[in-house]
Amino acid sequence: MGLGTLRHLVIWRLLAMTNIDFVHHPHPHTENRKLQPPPKVADEHVGVNGRLGAAITRRAGTMWAFYIAAVTMATWMVLAGFAWGPLHKIDPYPFAFLLFLGNIVQLLLMFVIMVGQQVLGAAADKRAVVTYQDAEAILHECLQMQEHLTAQDFALERMLKRMEQLEGKMESAAG
């Protein structure tokens, strides 16, 4: 048997003898995460009023809502701003009636938007908790990988020391 073949046999035997002292402990949230999807606003059970408030809040917070309000006000100002305008008699300059109507809409929407924000905020809080738990599980898995790598390093060090000892014995036996 040649020296190269003998080395290969020794390496394979060392690999078979080497065990890594590591047991993986998965984070409990990892398995629970597979069973339950992330929370959504639609999952919140808040009744008809809560759903209506959330829907109005979503619609009132868009650029289309702004465009509609801006066009309505611009049209009102044009129709009431000139003496020939059809709205000039009910809303003379400086548009007091327009401001009055705008304030009524704002006051009514304020309460609806507050309800909608409460509903949307509850779902966001639940998502934040799930995100935190996901980050915690990821950190746990990273620490498990680090422990596994450390255990592999120790196993490789033991194997290298054993190989050096065997090489020394082989050289002394050959020489």
N, C-alpha and C. Protein backbone atom coordinates (compact mmCIF):
# COMPACT_ATOMS: atom_id res chain seq x y z
N MET A 1 0.86 -1.18 0.00
CA MET A 1 0.00 0.00 0.00
C MET A 1 0.90 1.23 0.00
N GLY A 2 0.60 2.17 -0.90
CA GLY A 2 1.42 3.35 -1.04
C GLY A 2 1.14 4.37 0.07
N LEU A 3 2.09 5.31 0.20
CA LEU A 3 1.97 6.36 1.24
C LEU A 3 0.75 7.26 0.99
N GLY A 4 0.44 7.58 -0.28
CA GLY A 4 -0.71 8.42 -0.61
C GLY A 4 -2.02 7.73 -0.25
N THR A 5 -2.10 6.44 -0.55
CA THR A 5 -3.30 5.67 -0.23
C THR A 5 -3.48 5.58 1.27
N LEU A 6 -2.39 5.40 1.98
CA LEU A 6 -2.44 5.32 3.44
C LEU A 6 -2.92 6.65 4.03
N ARG A 7 -2.46 7.75 3.47
CA ARG A 7 -2.91 9.07 3.95
C ARG A 7 -4.41 9.24 3.74
N HIS A 8 -4.90 8.83 2.58
CA HIS A 8 -6.34 8.94 2.31
C HIS A 8 -7.14 8.10 3.30
N LEU A 9 -6.65 6.91 3.58
CA LEU A 9 -7.35 6.06 4.55
C LEU A 9 -7.37 6.70 5.94
N VAL A 10 -6.25 7.30 6.32
CA VAL A 10 -6.16 7.96 7.63
C VAL A 10 -7.12 9.15 7.68
N ILE A 11 -7.17 9.94 6.61
CA ILE A 11 -8.07 11.11 6.59
C ILE A 11 -9.52 10.66 6.67
N TRP A 12 -9.88 9.64 5.91
CA TRP A 12 -11.27 9.15 5.96
C TRP A 12 -11.62 8.59 7.33
N ARG A 13 -10.67 7.93 7.95
CA ARG A 13 -10.92 7.39 9.29
C ARG A 13 -11.09 8.52 10.31
N LEU A 14 -10.27 9.57 10.16
CA LEU A 14 -10.38 10.73 11.06
C LEU A 14 -11.74 11.41 10.89
N LEU A 15 -12.16 11.55 9.63
CA LEU A 15 -13.45 12.18 9.38
C LEU A 15 -14.58 11.34 9.98
N ALA A 16 -14.47 10.03 9.89
CA ALA A 16 -15.51 9.17 10.44
C ALA A 16 -15.51 9.23 11.97
N MET A 17 -14.35 9.42 12.58
CA MET A 17 -14.25 9.45 14.04
C MET A 17 -14.64 10.82 14.61
N THR A 18 -14.48 11.86 13.81
CA THR A 18 -14.72 13.20 14.31
C THR A 18 -16.22 13.44 14.43
N ASN A 19 -16.63 13.85 15.61
CA ASN A 19 -18.03 14.23 15.79
C ASN A 19 -18.08 15.69 16.22
N ILE A 20 -19.13 16.35 15.81
CA ILE A 20 -19.29 17.75 16.14
C ILE A 20 -20.29 17.84 17.27
N ASP A 21 -19.86 18.43 18.36
CA ASP A 21 -20.71 18.56 19.54
C ASP A 21 -21.63 19.77 19.39
N PHE A 22 -22.71 19.56 18.64
CA PHE A 22 -23.66 20.65 18.43
C PHE A 22 -25.05 20.05 18.21
N VAL A 23 -26.02 20.63 18.88
CA VAL A 23 -27.43 20.26 18.68
C VAL A 23 -28.20 21.52 18.38
N HIS A 24 -28.88 21.51 17.25
CA HIS A 24 -29.64 22.69 16.84
C HIS A 24 -30.94 22.77 17.63
N HIS A 25 -31.21 23.95 18.19
CA HIS A 25 -32.46 24.21 18.91
C HIS A 25 -33.21 25.31 18.16
N PRO A 26 -34.20 24.96 17.34
CA PRO A 26 -34.91 26.00 16.60
C PRO A 26 -35.73 26.89 17.53
N HIS A 27 -35.88 28.12 17.13
CA HIS A 27 -36.69 29.07 17.90
C HIS A 27 -38.16 28.68 17.79
N PRO A 28 -38.92 28.72 18.88
CA PRO A 28 -40.33 28.30 18.82
C PRO A 28 -41.18 29.15 17.88
N HIS A 29 -40.82 30.40 17.69
CA HIS A 29 -41.61 31.28 16.82
C HIS A 29 -41.55 30.83 15.36
N THR A 30 -40.45 30.15 14.99
CA THR A 30 -40.28 29.73 13.60
C THR A 30 -41.40 28.77 13.19
N GLU A 31 -41.71 27.80 14.03
CA GLU A 31 -42.78 26.86 13.71
C GLU A 31 -44.16 27.52 13.81
N ASN A 32 -44.35 28.38 14.80
CA ASN A 32 -45.64 29.06 14.95
C ASN A 32 -45.91 29.97 13.76
N ARG A 33 -44.86 30.55 13.18
CA ARG A 33 -44.99 31.49 12.06
C ARG A 33 -45.56 30.80 10.83
N LYS A 34 -45.23 29.50 10.68
CA LYS A 34 -45.73 28.76 9.53
C LYS A 34 -47.24 28.52 9.62
N LEU A 35 -47.76 28.48 10.83
CA LEU A 35 -49.18 28.17 11.03
C LEU A 35 -50.09 29.38 10.88
N GLN A 36 -49.55 30.57 11.07
CA GLN A 36 -50.40 31.76 11.11
C GLN A 36 -49.85 32.84 10.18
N PRO A 37 -50.68 33.35 9.26
CA PRO A 37 -50.21 34.42 8.36
C PRO A 37 -50.07 35.73 9.12
N PRO A 38 -49.36 36.70 8.55
CA PRO A 38 -49.22 38.00 9.22
C PRO A 38 -50.57 38.71 9.32
N PRO A 39 -50.77 39.50 10.37
CA PRO A 39 -52.05 40.19 10.54
C PRO A 39 -52.25 41.28 9.49
N LYS A 40 -53.52 41.44 9.11
CA LYS A 40 -53.89 42.47 8.14
C LYS A 40 -55.04 43.28 8.71
N VAL A 41 -55.29 44.43 8.13
CA VAL A 41 -56.39 45.28 8.59
C VAL A 41 -57.71 44.55 8.40
N ALA A 42 -57.83 43.78 7.32
CA ALA A 42 -59.08 43.06 7.06
C ALA A 42 -59.37 42.03 8.15
N ASP A 43 -58.35 41.56 8.86
CA ASP A 43 -58.54 40.57 9.91
C ASP A 43 -59.07 41.17 11.20
N GLU A 44 -59.00 42.49 11.32
CA GLU A 44 -59.50 43.14 12.53
C GLU A 44 -61.02 43.04 12.57
N HIS A 45 -61.55 42.53 13.66
CA HIS A 45 -63.00 42.41 13.81
C HIS A 45 -63.50 43.62 14.59
N VAL A 46 -63.86 44.66 13.86
CA VAL A 46 -64.26 45.91 14.51
C VAL A 46 -65.69 46.31 14.18
N GLY A 47 -66.37 45.50 13.41
CA GLY A 47 -67.75 45.82 13.07
C GLY A 47 -67.85 46.72 11.86
N VAL A 48 -69.09 47.07 11.55
CA VAL A 48 -69.37 47.88 10.37
C VAL A 48 -68.78 49.28 10.51
N ASN A 49 -68.93 49.88 11.69
CA ASN A 49 -68.43 51.25 11.89
C ASN A 49 -66.91 51.32 11.75
N GLY A 50 -66.22 50.35 12.31
CA GLY A 50 -64.76 50.35 12.20
C GLY A 50 -64.31 50.15 10.77
N ARG A 51 -64.97 49.23 10.05
CA ARG A 51 -64.61 49.01 8.65
C ARG A 51 -64.91 50.24 7.81
N LEU A 52 -66.03 50.89 8.07
CA LEU A 52 -66.38 52.12 7.34
C LEU A 52 -65.37 53.22 7.64
N GLY A 53 -65.01 53.38 8.91
CA GLY A 53 -64.01 54.40 9.28
C GLY A 53 -62.67 54.14 8.62
N ALA A 54 -62.23 52.86 8.60
CA ALA A 54 -60.96 52.53 7.96
C ALA A 54 -61.02 52.78 6.45
N ALA A 55 -62.17 52.45 5.83
CA ALA A 55 -62.30 52.67 4.39
C ALA A 55 -62.27 54.16 4.05
N ILE A 56 -62.99 54.98 4.83
CA ILE A 56 -63.00 56.43 4.58
C ILE A 56 -61.61 57.01 4.83
N THR A 57 -60.94 56.52 5.88
CA THR A 57 -59.58 57.02 6.17
C THR A 57 -58.64 56.70 5.02
N ARG A 58 -58.76 55.49 4.46
CA ARG A 58 -57.90 55.13 3.33
C ARG A 58 -58.19 56.01 2.12
N ARG A 59 -59.47 56.32 1.87
CA ARG A 59 -59.84 57.12 0.70
C ARG A 59 -59.51 58.60 0.90
N ALA A 60 -59.71 59.11 2.11
CA ALA A 60 -59.46 60.54 2.36
C ALA A 60 -57.97 60.85 2.36
N GLY A 61 -57.16 59.86 2.54
CA GLY A 61 -55.71 60.09 2.57
C GLY A 61 -55.04 59.86 1.24
N THR A 62 -55.74 60.07 0.14
CA THR A 62 -55.15 59.86 -1.19
C THR A 62 -55.02 61.18 -1.93
N MET A 63 -54.24 61.17 -2.98
CA MET A 63 -54.10 62.37 -3.82
C MET A 63 -55.38 62.64 -4.59
N TRP A 64 -56.16 61.60 -4.90
CA TRP A 64 -57.43 61.82 -5.59
C TRP A 64 -58.39 62.63 -4.74
N ALA A 65 -58.39 62.37 -3.43
CA ALA A 65 -59.24 63.17 -2.53
C ALA A 65 -58.79 64.63 -2.55
N PHE A 66 -57.47 64.85 -2.58
CA PHE A 66 -56.95 66.22 -2.67
C PHE A 66 -57.37 66.88 -3.99
N TYR A 67 -57.24 66.14 -5.10
CA TYR A 67 -57.61 66.70 -6.40
C TYR A 67 -59.09 67.09 -6.43
N ILE A 68 -59.95 66.22 -5.89
CA ILE A 68 -61.38 66.52 -5.87
C ILE A 68 -61.66 67.78 -5.04
N ALA A 69 -61.03 67.89 -3.87
CA ALA A 69 -61.23 69.07 -3.03
C ALA A 69 -60.69 70.32 -3.71
N ALA A 70 -59.52 70.23 -4.34
CA ALA A 70 -58.92 71.40 -5.00
C ALA A 70 -59.78 71.86 -6.19
N VAL A 71 -60.26 70.92 -6.98
CA VAL A 71 -61.10 71.28 -8.13
C VAL A 71 -62.42 71.88 -7.65
N THR A 72 -63.01 71.29 -6.60
CA THR A 72 -64.26 71.82 -6.06
C THR A 72 -64.08 73.25 -5.58
N MET A 73 -63.00 73.52 -4.84
CA MET A 73 -62.76 74.87 -4.32
C MET A 73 -62.45 75.85 -5.45
N ALA A 74 -61.66 75.42 -6.42
CA ALA A 74 -61.33 76.30 -7.54
C ALA A 74 -62.59 76.64 -8.34
N THR A 75 -63.42 75.63 -8.58
CA THR A 75 -64.67 75.87 -9.31
C THR A 75 -65.57 76.82 -8.53
N TRP A 76 -65.69 76.59 -7.23
CA TRP A 76 -66.52 77.47 -6.38
C TRP A 76 -66.00 78.90 -6.44
N MET A 77 -64.68 79.08 -6.34
CA MET A 77 -64.11 80.43 -6.34
C MET A 77 -64.35 81.13 -7.67
N VAL A 78 -64.28 80.38 -8.78
CA VAL A 78 -64.53 80.99 -10.08
C VAL A 78 -66.01 81.37 -10.21
N LEU A 79 -66.90 80.48 -9.78
CA LEU A 79 -68.34 80.75 -9.93
C LEU A 79 -68.85 81.79 -8.93
N ALA A 80 -68.15 81.99 -7.82
CA ALA A 80 -68.61 82.97 -6.83
C ALA A 80 -67.73 84.21 -6.80
N GLY A 81 -66.60 84.18 -7.42
CA GLY A 81 -65.65 85.28 -7.33
C GLY A 81 -66.00 86.49 -8.18
N PHE A 82 -66.65 86.28 -9.28
CA PHE A 82 -67.00 87.38 -10.18
C PHE A 82 -68.45 87.79 -9.96
N ALA A 83 -68.73 89.04 -10.24
CA ALA A 83 -70.10 89.56 -10.04
C ALA A 83 -71.10 88.81 -10.91
N TRP A 84 -70.68 88.30 -12.05
CA TRP A 84 -71.58 87.58 -12.94
C TRP A 84 -71.74 86.11 -12.55
N GLY A 85 -70.96 85.62 -11.58
CA GLY A 85 -71.00 84.21 -11.19
C GLY A 85 -72.30 83.83 -10.50
N PRO A 86 -72.82 82.62 -10.78
CA PRO A 86 -74.10 82.20 -10.20
C PRO A 86 -74.03 82.00 -8.68
N LEU A 87 -72.88 81.80 -8.11
CA LEU A 87 -72.76 81.60 -6.67
C LEU A 87 -72.40 82.89 -5.92
N HIS A 88 -72.26 83.98 -6.65
CA HIS A 88 -71.82 85.24 -6.03
C HIS A 88 -72.86 85.75 -5.02
N LYS A 89 -74.13 85.53 -5.26
CA LYS A 89 -75.16 86.04 -4.36
C LYS A 89 -75.19 85.29 -3.02
N ILE A 90 -74.92 83.95 -3.06
CA ILE A 90 -74.95 83.20 -1.79
C ILE A 90 -73.60 83.18 -1.08
N ASP A 91 -72.54 83.48 -1.81
CA ASP A 91 -71.20 83.46 -1.19
C ASP A 91 -70.34 84.59 -1.75
N PRO A 92 -70.57 85.81 -1.31
CA PRO A 92 -69.75 86.92 -1.80
C PRO A 92 -68.33 86.83 -1.23
N TYR A 93 -67.45 87.54 -1.88
CA TYR A 93 -66.05 87.58 -1.45
C TYR A 93 -65.98 87.96 0.01
N PRO A 94 -65.22 87.35 0.86
CA PRO A 94 -64.10 86.40 0.72
C PRO A 94 -64.48 84.93 0.90
N PHE A 95 -65.56 84.47 0.31
CA PHE A 95 -65.93 83.07 0.28
C PHE A 95 -66.24 82.51 1.67
N ALA A 96 -67.02 83.21 2.41
CA ALA A 96 -67.37 82.78 3.76
C ALA A 96 -68.18 81.48 3.76
N PHE A 97 -69.11 81.34 2.82
CA PHE A 97 -69.93 80.13 2.78
C PHE A 97 -69.09 78.90 2.40
N LEU A 98 -68.13 79.08 1.49
CA LEU A 98 -67.21 78.00 1.11
C LEU A 98 -66.40 77.54 2.33
N LEU A 99 -65.90 78.50 3.08
CA LEU A 99 -65.14 78.16 4.29
C LEU A 99 -66.03 77.44 5.32
N PHE A 100 -67.28 77.89 5.43
CA PHE A 100 -68.22 77.25 6.35
C PHE A 100 -68.45 75.79 5.96
N LEU A 101 -68.71 75.54 4.66
CA LEU A 101 -68.93 74.17 4.20
C LEU A 101 -67.67 73.31 4.38
N GLY A 102 -66.53 73.90 4.09
CA GLY A 102 -65.27 73.18 4.28
C GLY A 102 -65.03 72.80 5.72
N ASN A 103 -65.36 73.70 6.64
CA ASN A 103 -65.18 73.40 8.07
C ASN A 103 -66.13 72.30 8.53
N ILE A 104 -67.36 72.29 8.02
CA ILE A 104 -68.30 71.22 8.39
C ILE A 104 -67.74 69.87 7.93
N VAL A 105 -67.27 69.79 6.70
CA VAL A 105 -66.71 68.54 6.18
C VAL A 105 -65.50 68.12 7.02
N GLN A 106 -64.63 69.08 7.35
CA GLN A 106 -63.46 68.76 8.15
C GLN A 106 -63.83 68.26 9.54
N LEU A 107 -64.80 68.90 10.17
CA LEU A 107 -65.21 68.46 11.50
C LEU A 107 -65.81 67.07 11.48
N LEU A 108 -66.63 66.78 10.48
CA LEU A 108 -67.21 65.44 10.39
C LEU A 108 -66.16 64.38 10.07
N LEU A 109 -65.30 64.68 9.13
CA LEU A 109 -64.26 63.72 8.75
C LEU A 109 -63.25 63.49 9.86
N MET A 110 -63.03 64.49 10.71
CA MET A 110 -62.05 64.35 11.78
C MET A 110 -62.37 63.14 12.66
N PHE A 111 -63.62 62.97 13.06
CA PHE A 111 -63.98 61.86 13.93
C PHE A 111 -63.92 60.53 13.19
N VAL A 112 -64.35 60.53 11.94
CA VAL A 112 -64.30 59.29 11.16
C VAL A 112 -62.85 58.87 10.94
N ILE A 113 -62.00 59.83 10.64
CA ILE A 113 -60.59 59.51 10.41
C ILE A 113 -59.93 59.03 11.71
N MET A 114 -60.33 59.59 12.84
CA MET A 114 -59.77 59.11 14.11
C MET A 114 -60.15 57.65 14.36
N VAL A 115 -61.38 57.27 14.06
CA VAL A 115 -61.79 55.86 14.20
C VAL A 115 -60.99 55.01 13.23
N GLY A 116 -60.87 55.45 12.00
CA GLY A 116 -60.10 54.71 11.00
C GLY A 116 -58.65 54.56 11.39
N GLN A 117 -58.06 55.61 11.93
CA GLN A 117 -56.66 55.53 12.38
C GLN A 117 -56.50 54.54 13.53
N GLN A 118 -57.50 54.48 14.38
CA GLN A 118 -57.45 53.53 15.49
C GLN A 118 -57.48 52.09 14.96
N VAL A 119 -58.33 51.82 14.00
CA VAL A 119 -58.41 50.48 13.41
C VAL A 119 -57.13 50.15 12.67
N LEU A 120 -56.66 51.07 11.84
CA LEU A 120 -55.44 50.83 11.08
C LEU A 120 -54.23 50.72 12.00
N GLY A 121 -54.22 51.50 13.08
CA GLY A 121 -53.12 51.45 14.04
C GLY A 121 -53.06 50.13 14.79
N ALA A 122 -54.22 49.55 15.10
CA ALA A 122 -54.25 48.26 15.80
C ALA A 122 -53.62 47.18 14.94
N ALA A 123 -53.95 47.17 13.67
CA ALA A 123 -53.36 46.18 12.76
C ALA A 123 -51.86 46.42 12.60
N ALA A 124 -51.45 47.68 12.54
CA ALA A 124 -50.03 48.00 12.42
C ALA A 124 -49.27 47.57 13.68
N ASP A 125 -49.89 47.72 14.84
CA ASP A 125 -49.24 47.27 16.08
C ASP A 125 -49.04 45.76 16.07
N LYS A 126 -50.04 45.04 15.61
CA LYS A 126 -49.91 43.57 15.54
C LYS A 126 -48.81 43.18 14.56
N ARG A 127 -48.73 43.87 13.42
CA ARG A 127 -47.66 43.58 12.46
C ARG A 127 -46.30 43.90 13.05
N ALA A 128 -46.22 44.96 13.84
CA ALA A 128 -44.94 45.32 14.47
C ALA A 128 -44.50 44.24 15.45
N VAL A 129 -45.44 43.67 16.20
CA VAL A 129 -45.10 42.60 17.14
C VAL A 129 -44.60 41.38 16.37
N VAL A 130 -45.28 41.03 15.27
CA VAL A 130 -44.86 39.88 14.46
C VAL A 130 -43.47 40.13 13.87
N THR A 131 -43.22 41.35 13.41
CA THR A 131 -41.91 41.68 12.86
C THR A 131 -40.83 41.56 13.93
N TYR A 132 -41.12 42.00 15.14
CA TYR A 132 -40.17 41.88 16.24
C TYR A 132 -39.90 40.41 16.54
N GLN A 133 -40.95 39.59 16.56
CA GLN A 133 -40.76 38.17 16.83
C GLN A 133 -39.95 37.51 15.71
N ASP A 134 -40.18 37.93 14.47
CA ASP A 134 -39.39 37.40 13.35
C ASP A 134 -37.92 37.77 13.51
N ALA A 135 -37.65 39.02 13.87
CA ALA A 135 -36.27 39.46 14.06
C ALA A 135 -35.62 38.70 15.22
N GLU A 136 -36.37 38.45 16.27
CA GLU A 136 -35.86 37.68 17.40
C GLU A 136 -35.51 36.26 16.98
N ALA A 137 -36.37 35.63 16.18
CA ALA A 137 -36.10 34.28 15.69
C ALA A 137 -34.89 34.26 14.78
N ILE A 138 -34.74 35.27 13.93
CA ILE A 138 -33.58 35.35 13.03
C ILE A 138 -32.30 35.49 13.84
N LEU A 139 -32.33 36.34 14.86
CA LEU A 139 -31.15 36.49 15.73
C LEU A 139 -30.82 35.17 16.41
N HIS A 140 -31.83 34.45 16.88
CA HIS A 140 -31.61 33.16 17.52
C HIS A 140 -30.95 32.18 16.55
N GLU A 141 -31.45 32.15 15.30
CA GLU A 141 -30.87 31.25 14.30
C GLU A 141 -29.43 31.65 13.97
N CYS A 142 -29.14 32.94 13.93
CA CYS A 142 -27.76 33.39 13.67
C CYS A 142 -26.83 32.96 14.80
N LEU A 143 -27.31 33.07 16.03
CA LEU A 143 -26.51 32.62 17.17
C LEU A 143 -26.31 31.11 17.11
N GLN A 144 -27.33 30.36 16.66
CA GLN A 144 -27.19 28.91 16.51
C GLN A 144 -26.14 28.59 15.44
N MET A 145 -26.15 29.34 14.34
CA MET A 145 -25.13 29.12 13.30
C MET A 145 -23.73 29.41 13.83
N GLN A 146 -23.62 30.47 14.62
CA GLN A 146 -22.32 30.81 15.19
C GLN A 146 -21.84 29.70 16.12
N GLU A 147 -22.72 29.15 16.94
CA GLU A 147 -22.34 28.03 17.80
C GLU A 147 -21.95 26.81 16.98
N HIS A 148 -22.67 26.56 15.89
CA HIS A 148 -22.35 25.43 15.03
C HIS A 148 -20.98 25.60 14.40
N LEU A 149 -20.68 26.80 13.92
CA LEU A 149 -19.37 27.06 13.33
C LEU A 149 -18.25 26.91 14.36
N THR A 150 -18.50 27.36 15.58
CA THR A 150 -17.50 27.20 16.64
C THR A 150 -17.27 25.72 16.93
N ALA A 151 -18.34 24.93 16.97
CA ALA A 151 -18.19 23.49 17.20
C ALA A 151 -17.43 22.84 16.04
N GLN A 152 -17.68 23.28 14.82
CA GLN A 152 -16.93 22.75 13.68
C GLN A 152 -15.46 23.14 13.76
N ASP A 153 -15.18 24.37 14.20
CA ASP A 153 -13.78 24.79 14.37
C ASP A 153 -13.05 23.90 15.36
N PHE A 154 -13.69 23.60 16.49
CA PHE A 154 -13.06 22.72 17.48
C PHE A 154 -12.84 21.32 16.91
N ALA A 155 -13.82 20.81 16.14
CA ALA A 155 -13.67 19.48 15.55
C ALA A 155 -12.53 19.48 14.54
N LEU A 156 -12.41 20.52 13.72
CA LEU A 156 -11.31 20.61 12.76
C LEU A 156 -9.96 20.72 13.46
N GLU A 157 -9.91 21.48 14.55
CA GLU A 157 -8.65 21.58 15.30
C GLU A 157 -8.24 20.22 15.86
N ARG A 158 -9.20 19.47 16.41
CA ARG A 158 -8.89 18.13 16.93
C ARG A 158 -8.42 17.22 15.80
N MET A 159 -9.06 17.31 14.64
CA MET A 159 -8.68 16.48 13.51
C MET A 159 -7.28 16.84 13.02
N LEU A 160 -6.97 18.14 12.96
CA LEU A 160 -5.64 18.55 12.51
C LEU A 160 -4.55 18.08 13.48
N LYS A 161 -4.82 18.20 14.77
CA LYS A 161 -3.84 17.72 15.76
C LYS A 161 -3.62 16.22 15.62
N ARG A 162 -4.73 15.49 15.42
CA ARG A 162 -4.62 14.03 15.27
C ARG A 162 -3.86 13.70 14.00
N MET A 163 -4.11 14.43 12.91
CA MET A 163 -3.38 14.19 11.66
C MET A 163 -1.89 14.47 11.83
N GLU A 164 -1.57 15.55 12.54
CA GLU A 164 -0.16 15.86 12.78
C GLU A 164 0.50 14.76 13.59
N GLN A 165 -0.22 14.24 14.58
CA GLN A 165 0.33 13.13 15.38
C GLN A 165 0.55 11.90 14.52
N LEU A 166 -0.44 11.58 13.66
CA LEU A 166 -0.31 10.40 12.80
C LEU A 166 0.79 10.58 11.76
N GLU A 167 0.94 11.79 11.22
CA GLU A 167 2.01 12.05 10.27
C GLU A 167 3.37 11.87 10.93
N GLY A 168 3.46 12.36 12.19
CA GLY A 168 4.70 12.19 12.94
C GLY A 168 5.01 10.71 13.16
N LYS A 169 3.99 9.92 13.49
CA LYS A 169 4.19 8.49 13.67
C LYS A 169 4.59 7.79 12.37
N MET A 170 3.94 8.23 11.26
CA MET A 170 4.25 7.63 9.96
C MET A 170 5.67 7.97 9.54
N GLU A 171 6.10 9.21 9.78
CA GLU A 171 7.47 9.60 9.42
C GLU A 171 8.50 8.86 10.26
N SER A 172 8.17 8.72 11.55
CA SER A 172 9.13 8.00 12.42
C SER A 172 9.17 6.50 12.07
N ALA A 173 8.01 5.95 11.63
CA ALA A 173 7.98 4.54 11.24
C ALA A 173 8.67 4.35 9.91
N ALA A 174 8.57 5.31 9.00
CA ALA A 174 9.18 5.21 7.68
C ALA A 174 10.67 5.50 7.76
N GLY A 175 11.12 6.28 8.72
CA GLY A 175 12.50 6.73 8.73
C GLY A 175 13.38 5.99 9.61
